[in-house]
Amino acid sequence: QVQLVESGGGLVHPGESLRLSCAFSGSIFGLYVMGWYRQTPGQQRELVATITPGGGTNYQESVKGRFTIARDHAQSWVNLQMNSLKPEDTAIYYCNAVNVRDRVSSWGRGTQVTVSS
């Protein structure tokens, strides 16, 4: 069973940076599309960025040029480098893994990111 554990959230000022990490275990990392999603109270969870096993990436328009997703197959983690953070980036960020064969999706428990002056 896939387990995802996020870390790296916190409180920062506008314009600062944070890096989120997600540790993957329980299956073969190379069979999963990895992603980061975020959710604010009363809103639906939204895609932030995804990365395929081959390294192809996709970003939400509002984070393009500021956020970078990366994965390490040797250590089975996926990171989200977030630069030039804005108050509207405040949310709980969730790590996601989707199996490319059966499309089963797994979620981490989330990590809070707060951007405030």
N, C-alpha and C. Protein backbone atom coordinates (compact mmCIF):
# COMPACT_ATOMS: atom_id res chain seq x y z
N GLN A 1 0.84 -1.19 0.00
CA GLN A 1 0.00 0.00 0.00
C GLN A 1 0.89 1.25 0.00
N VAL A 2 0.57 2.17 -0.89
CA VAL A 2 1.37 3.39 -1.01
C VAL A 2 1.19 4.26 0.22
N GLN A 3 2.30 4.77 0.72
CA GLN A 3 2.28 5.75 1.81
C GLN A 3 3.02 6.99 1.36
N LEU A 4 2.43 8.13 1.64
CA LEU A 4 3.01 9.41 1.26
C LEU A 4 3.08 10.28 2.51
N VAL A 5 4.26 10.83 2.77
CA VAL A 5 4.44 11.66 3.95
C VAL A 5 5.03 13.00 3.52
N GLU A 6 4.25 14.06 3.73
CA GLU A 6 4.70 15.39 3.35
C GLU A 6 5.45 16.06 4.49
N SER A 7 6.33 16.97 4.12
CA SER A 7 7.04 17.80 5.10
C SER A 7 7.43 19.10 4.44
N GLY A 8 7.78 20.09 5.26
CA GLY A 8 8.33 21.33 4.74
C GLY A 8 7.41 22.53 4.76
N GLY A 9 6.18 22.34 5.20
CA GLY A 9 5.28 23.48 5.27
C GLY A 9 5.67 24.45 6.38
N GLY A 10 4.99 25.59 6.41
CA GLY A 10 5.29 26.55 7.44
C GLY A 10 4.70 27.91 7.14
N LEU A 11 5.14 28.90 7.92
CA LEU A 11 4.69 30.28 7.77
C LEU A 11 5.83 31.11 7.19
N VAL A 12 5.55 31.78 6.08
CA VAL A 12 6.54 32.65 5.45
C VAL A 12 5.90 33.97 5.07
N HIS A 13 6.75 34.96 4.78
CA HIS A 13 6.28 36.26 4.32
C HIS A 13 6.15 36.26 2.79
N PRO A 14 5.33 37.12 2.26
CA PRO A 14 5.24 37.23 0.79
C PRO A 14 6.61 37.47 0.17
N GLY A 15 6.84 36.79 -0.94
CA GLY A 15 8.12 36.90 -1.63
C GLY A 15 9.15 35.88 -1.22
N GLU A 16 8.93 35.21 -0.11
CA GLU A 16 9.88 34.21 0.37
C GLU A 16 9.63 32.85 -0.30
N SER A 17 10.47 31.89 0.07
CA SER A 17 10.42 30.56 -0.56
C SER A 17 10.20 29.47 0.48
N LEU A 18 9.67 28.36 0.01
CA LEU A 18 9.54 27.13 0.80
C LEU A 18 9.76 25.96 -0.14
N ARG A 19 10.25 24.85 0.42
CA ARG A 19 10.33 23.63 -0.35
C ARG A 19 9.58 22.53 0.39
N LEU A 20 8.61 21.97 -0.28
CA LEU A 20 7.85 20.84 0.26
C LEU A 20 8.46 19.55 -0.25
N SER A 21 8.47 18.54 0.62
CA SER A 21 8.97 17.22 0.24
C SER A 21 7.91 16.18 0.53
N CYS A 22 7.90 15.14 -0.29
CA CYS A 22 6.97 14.02 -0.11
C CYS A 22 7.76 12.73 -0.24
N ALA A 23 7.77 11.95 0.82
CA ALA A 23 8.45 10.66 0.82
C ALA A 23 7.46 9.57 0.43
N PHE A 24 7.83 8.78 -0.57
CA PHE A 24 6.96 7.72 -1.12
C PHE A 24 7.48 6.37 -0.65
N SER A 25 6.57 5.48 -0.26
CA SER A 25 6.95 4.11 0.08
C SER A 25 5.79 3.17 -0.18
N GLY A 26 6.07 1.88 -0.23
CA GLY A 26 5.04 0.88 -0.33
C GLY A 26 4.78 0.33 -1.71
N SER A 27 5.44 0.84 -2.72
CA SER A 27 5.25 0.34 -4.08
C SER A 27 6.43 0.78 -4.93
N ILE A 28 6.30 0.61 -6.23
CA ILE A 28 7.38 0.95 -7.15
C ILE A 28 7.20 2.40 -7.61
N PHE A 29 8.09 3.25 -7.16
CA PHE A 29 7.96 4.69 -7.41
C PHE A 29 7.84 5.02 -8.90
N GLY A 30 8.55 4.29 -9.70
CA GLY A 30 8.58 4.58 -11.13
C GLY A 30 7.28 4.27 -11.86
N LEU A 31 6.31 3.69 -11.19
CA LEU A 31 5.01 3.40 -11.79
C LEU A 31 3.97 4.48 -11.50
N TYR A 32 4.40 5.57 -10.89
CA TYR A 32 3.44 6.57 -10.43
C TYR A 32 3.71 7.95 -11.00
N VAL A 33 2.61 8.58 -11.42
CA VAL A 33 2.63 10.02 -11.65
C VAL A 33 2.48 10.68 -10.28
N MET A 34 3.39 11.57 -9.96
CA MET A 34 3.37 12.24 -8.66
C MET A 34 2.86 13.68 -8.83
N GLY A 35 2.19 14.15 -7.81
CA GLY A 35 1.66 15.50 -7.92
C GLY A 35 1.50 16.17 -6.58
N TRP A 36 1.35 17.47 -6.66
CA TRP A 36 1.01 18.31 -5.50
C TRP A 36 -0.31 19.01 -5.79
N TYR A 37 -1.18 18.96 -4.80
CA TYR A 37 -2.47 19.62 -4.86
C TYR A 37 -2.58 20.51 -3.63
N ARG A 38 -3.52 21.45 -3.66
CA ARG A 38 -3.73 22.30 -2.49
C ARG A 38 -5.21 22.57 -2.30
N GLN A 39 -5.54 22.89 -1.06
CA GLN A 39 -6.94 23.11 -0.71
C GLN A 39 -7.04 24.16 0.38
N THR A 40 -8.00 25.07 0.21
CA THR A 40 -8.32 26.06 1.23
C THR A 40 -9.72 25.78 1.75
N PRO A 41 -10.05 26.27 2.94
CA PRO A 41 -11.36 25.99 3.52
C PRO A 41 -12.51 26.38 2.60
N GLY A 42 -13.43 25.45 2.41
CA GLY A 42 -14.59 25.71 1.58
C GLY A 42 -14.37 25.60 0.10
N GLN A 43 -13.16 25.27 -0.30
CA GLN A 43 -12.84 25.16 -1.72
C GLN A 43 -12.48 23.73 -2.08
N GLN A 44 -12.60 23.42 -3.36
CA GLN A 44 -12.19 22.10 -3.83
C GLN A 44 -10.67 22.02 -3.91
N ARG A 45 -10.18 20.82 -3.77
CA ARG A 45 -8.74 20.59 -3.91
C ARG A 45 -8.37 20.85 -5.36
N GLU A 46 -7.27 21.58 -5.56
CA GLU A 46 -6.87 21.94 -6.93
C GLU A 46 -5.44 21.47 -7.21
N LEU A 47 -5.23 21.16 -8.48
CA LEU A 47 -3.91 20.72 -8.91
C LEU A 47 -2.93 21.89 -8.87
N VAL A 48 -1.74 21.62 -8.34
CA VAL A 48 -0.66 22.61 -8.38
C VAL A 48 0.35 22.22 -9.44
N ALA A 49 0.83 20.98 -9.37
CA ALA A 49 1.84 20.50 -10.33
C ALA A 49 1.87 19.00 -10.32
N THR A 50 2.21 18.41 -11.47
CA THR A 50 2.41 16.97 -11.57
C THR A 50 3.69 16.68 -12.32
N ILE A 51 4.21 15.47 -12.10
CA ILE A 51 5.41 15.03 -12.81
C ILE A 51 5.27 13.54 -13.11
N THR A 52 5.51 13.18 -14.36
CA THR A 52 5.37 11.79 -14.78
C THR A 52 6.63 11.01 -14.42
N PRO A 53 6.58 9.67 -14.53
CA PRO A 53 7.80 8.90 -14.27
C PRO A 53 8.97 9.31 -15.17
N GLY A 54 8.67 9.79 -16.36
CA GLY A 54 9.71 10.21 -17.28
C GLY A 54 10.19 11.63 -17.07
N GLY A 55 9.55 12.36 -16.15
CA GLY A 55 9.98 13.72 -15.85
C GLY A 55 9.15 14.81 -16.51
N GLY A 56 8.12 14.45 -17.23
CA GLY A 56 7.26 15.46 -17.81
C GLY A 56 6.46 16.18 -16.74
N THR A 57 6.36 17.50 -16.85
CA THR A 57 5.72 18.28 -15.81
C THR A 57 4.52 19.06 -16.34
N ASN A 58 3.64 19.38 -15.41
CA ASN A 58 2.45 20.17 -15.71
C ASN A 58 2.18 21.05 -14.50
N TYR A 59 1.87 22.33 -14.74
CA TYR A 59 1.66 23.28 -13.65
C TYR A 59 0.35 24.02 -13.81
N GLN A 60 -0.25 24.35 -12.67
CA GLN A 60 -1.36 25.29 -12.67
C GLN A 60 -0.83 26.63 -13.17
N GLU A 61 -1.64 27.33 -13.94
CA GLU A 61 -1.19 28.57 -14.56
C GLU A 61 -0.67 29.58 -13.54
N SER A 62 -1.30 29.66 -12.38
CA SER A 62 -0.94 30.69 -11.40
C SER A 62 0.41 30.46 -10.74
N VAL A 63 0.98 29.26 -10.88
CA VAL A 63 2.27 28.99 -10.23
C VAL A 63 3.40 28.85 -11.23
N LYS A 64 3.09 28.90 -12.52
CA LYS A 64 4.14 28.76 -13.54
C LYS A 64 5.19 29.85 -13.36
N GLY A 65 6.45 29.44 -13.43
CA GLY A 65 7.55 30.38 -13.25
C GLY A 65 7.94 30.62 -11.80
N ARG A 66 7.11 30.18 -10.87
CA ARG A 66 7.42 30.35 -9.44
C ARG A 66 7.66 29.02 -8.75
N PHE A 67 6.94 27.99 -9.14
CA PHE A 67 7.04 26.68 -8.50
C PHE A 67 7.74 25.70 -9.43
N THR A 68 8.49 24.78 -8.86
CA THR A 68 9.15 23.73 -9.63
C THR A 68 8.97 22.40 -8.93
N ILE A 69 8.47 21.42 -9.68
CA ILE A 69 8.31 20.07 -9.14
C ILE A 69 9.45 19.21 -9.65
N ALA A 70 9.96 18.34 -8.79
CA ALA A 70 11.06 17.46 -9.16
C ALA A 70 10.90 16.14 -8.42
N ARG A 71 11.46 15.07 -9.00
CA ARG A 71 11.39 13.76 -8.35
C ARG A 71 12.75 13.09 -8.40
N ASP A 72 12.98 12.24 -7.42
CA ASP A 72 14.22 11.48 -7.34
C ASP A 72 13.86 10.00 -7.26
N HIS A 73 14.22 9.27 -8.31
CA HIS A 73 13.84 7.86 -8.36
C HIS A 73 14.69 7.00 -7.44
N ALA A 74 15.89 7.43 -7.15
CA ALA A 74 16.76 6.63 -6.28
C ALA A 74 16.25 6.63 -4.84
N GLN A 75 15.71 7.79 -4.42
CA GLN A 75 15.28 7.90 -3.02
C GLN A 75 13.77 8.00 -2.88
N SER A 76 13.06 7.95 -3.99
CA SER A 76 11.60 7.91 -3.96
C SER A 76 10.99 9.11 -3.25
N TRP A 77 11.35 10.28 -3.71
CA TRP A 77 10.70 11.47 -3.18
C TRP A 77 10.34 12.42 -4.32
N VAL A 78 9.42 13.29 -4.01
CA VAL A 78 9.05 14.36 -4.93
C VAL A 78 9.03 15.66 -4.14
N ASN A 79 9.62 16.68 -4.70
CA ASN A 79 9.70 17.98 -4.05
C ASN A 79 8.92 19.03 -4.82
N LEU A 80 8.50 20.05 -4.12
CA LEU A 80 7.90 21.21 -4.75
C LEU A 80 8.63 22.44 -4.21
N GLN A 81 9.44 23.05 -5.06
CA GLN A 81 10.13 24.28 -4.70
C GLN A 81 9.21 25.44 -5.02
N MET A 82 8.91 26.23 -4.01
CA MET A 82 7.96 27.35 -4.18
C MET A 82 8.69 28.65 -3.90
N ASN A 83 8.82 29.46 -4.94
CA ASN A 83 9.48 30.77 -4.82
C ASN A 83 8.46 31.88 -5.01
N SER A 84 8.86 33.08 -4.59
CA SER A 84 8.01 34.26 -4.75
C SER A 84 6.59 33.99 -4.26
N LEU A 85 6.49 33.45 -3.07
CA LEU A 85 5.18 33.06 -2.54
C LEU A 85 4.27 34.26 -2.32
N LYS A 86 2.99 34.03 -2.54
CA LYS A 86 1.97 35.06 -2.41
C LYS A 86 0.95 34.64 -1.35
N PRO A 87 0.25 35.58 -0.75
CA PRO A 87 -0.78 35.20 0.22
C PRO A 87 -1.81 34.22 -0.35
N GLU A 88 -2.10 34.33 -1.62
CA GLU A 88 -3.07 33.41 -2.24
C GLU A 88 -2.54 31.99 -2.41
N ASP A 89 -1.27 31.77 -2.12
CA ASP A 89 -0.73 30.42 -2.11
C ASP A 89 -1.00 29.70 -0.78
N THR A 90 -1.53 30.42 0.18
CA THR A 90 -1.85 29.82 1.48
C THR A 90 -2.87 28.70 1.31
N ALA A 91 -2.54 27.53 1.80
CA ALA A 91 -3.41 26.36 1.66
C ALA A 91 -2.77 25.18 2.38
N ILE A 92 -3.53 24.11 2.47
CA ILE A 92 -2.94 22.82 2.84
C ILE A 92 -2.50 22.15 1.53
N TYR A 93 -1.26 21.74 1.48
CA TYR A 93 -0.69 21.11 0.29
C TYR A 93 -0.63 19.59 0.49
N TYR A 94 -1.13 18.87 -0.51
CA TYR A 94 -1.21 17.42 -0.43
C TYR A 94 -0.36 16.79 -1.53
N CYS A 95 0.35 15.75 -1.16
CA CYS A 95 1.08 14.94 -2.12
C CYS A 95 0.14 13.86 -2.67
N ASN A 96 0.27 13.58 -3.96
CA ASN A 96 -0.61 12.60 -4.62
C ASN A 96 0.23 11.67 -5.49
N ALA A 97 -0.19 10.42 -5.54
CA ALA A 97 0.46 9.45 -6.42
C ALA A 97 -0.62 8.69 -7.18
N VAL A 98 -0.49 8.62 -8.50
CA VAL A 98 -1.44 7.89 -9.34
C VAL A 98 -0.70 6.81 -10.09
N ASN A 99 -1.15 5.57 -9.90
CA ASN A 99 -0.53 4.43 -10.59
C ASN A 99 -0.86 4.49 -12.08
N VAL A 100 0.17 4.43 -12.92
CA VAL A 100 -0.05 4.58 -14.36
C VAL A 100 -0.77 3.38 -14.97
N ARG A 101 -0.79 2.26 -14.27
CA ARG A 101 -1.43 1.05 -14.80
C ARG A 101 -2.92 1.00 -14.46
N ASP A 102 -3.26 1.19 -13.18
CA ASP A 102 -4.66 1.03 -12.79
C ASP A 102 -5.32 2.34 -12.35
N ARG A 103 -4.57 3.43 -12.39
CA ARG A 103 -5.07 4.77 -12.08
C ARG A 103 -5.52 4.94 -10.63
N VAL A 104 -5.14 4.01 -9.78
CA VAL A 104 -5.47 4.16 -8.36
C VAL A 104 -4.69 5.34 -7.79
N SER A 105 -5.37 6.18 -7.03
CA SER A 105 -4.79 7.41 -6.49
C SER A 105 -4.60 7.28 -4.98
N SER A 106 -3.47 7.78 -4.51
CA SER A 106 -3.18 7.79 -3.08
C SER A 106 -2.82 9.21 -2.66
N TRP A 107 -3.14 9.53 -1.40
CA TRP A 107 -2.93 10.88 -0.89
C TRP A 107 -2.15 10.86 0.41
N GLY A 108 -1.35 11.90 0.61
CA GLY A 108 -0.75 12.14 1.90
C GLY A 108 -1.72 12.88 2.80
N ARG A 109 -1.29 13.18 4.01
CA ARG A 109 -2.17 13.83 4.98
C ARG A 109 -2.13 15.35 4.87
N GLY A 110 -1.18 15.87 4.13
CA GLY A 110 -1.13 17.31 3.90
C GLY A 110 -0.19 18.05 4.82
N THR A 111 0.26 19.21 4.35
CA THR A 111 1.11 20.09 5.14
C THR A 111 0.66 21.54 4.89
N GLN A 112 0.58 22.29 5.97
CA GLN A 112 0.05 23.65 5.88
C GLN A 112 1.13 24.62 5.40
N VAL A 113 0.76 25.44 4.43
CA VAL A 113 1.60 26.54 3.97
C VAL A 113 0.82 27.83 4.19
N THR A 114 1.41 28.75 4.93
CA THR A 114 0.78 30.03 5.18
C THR A 114 1.72 31.15 4.75
N VAL A 115 1.20 32.03 3.89
CA VAL A 115 1.98 33.16 3.40
C VAL A 115 1.29 34.43 3.90
N SER A 116 1.96 35.12 4.80
CA SER A 116 1.34 36.27 5.43
C SER A 116 2.39 37.26 5.89
N SER A 117 2.05 38.53 5.80
CA SER A 117 2.95 39.56 6.30
C SER A 117 2.66 39.85 7.78
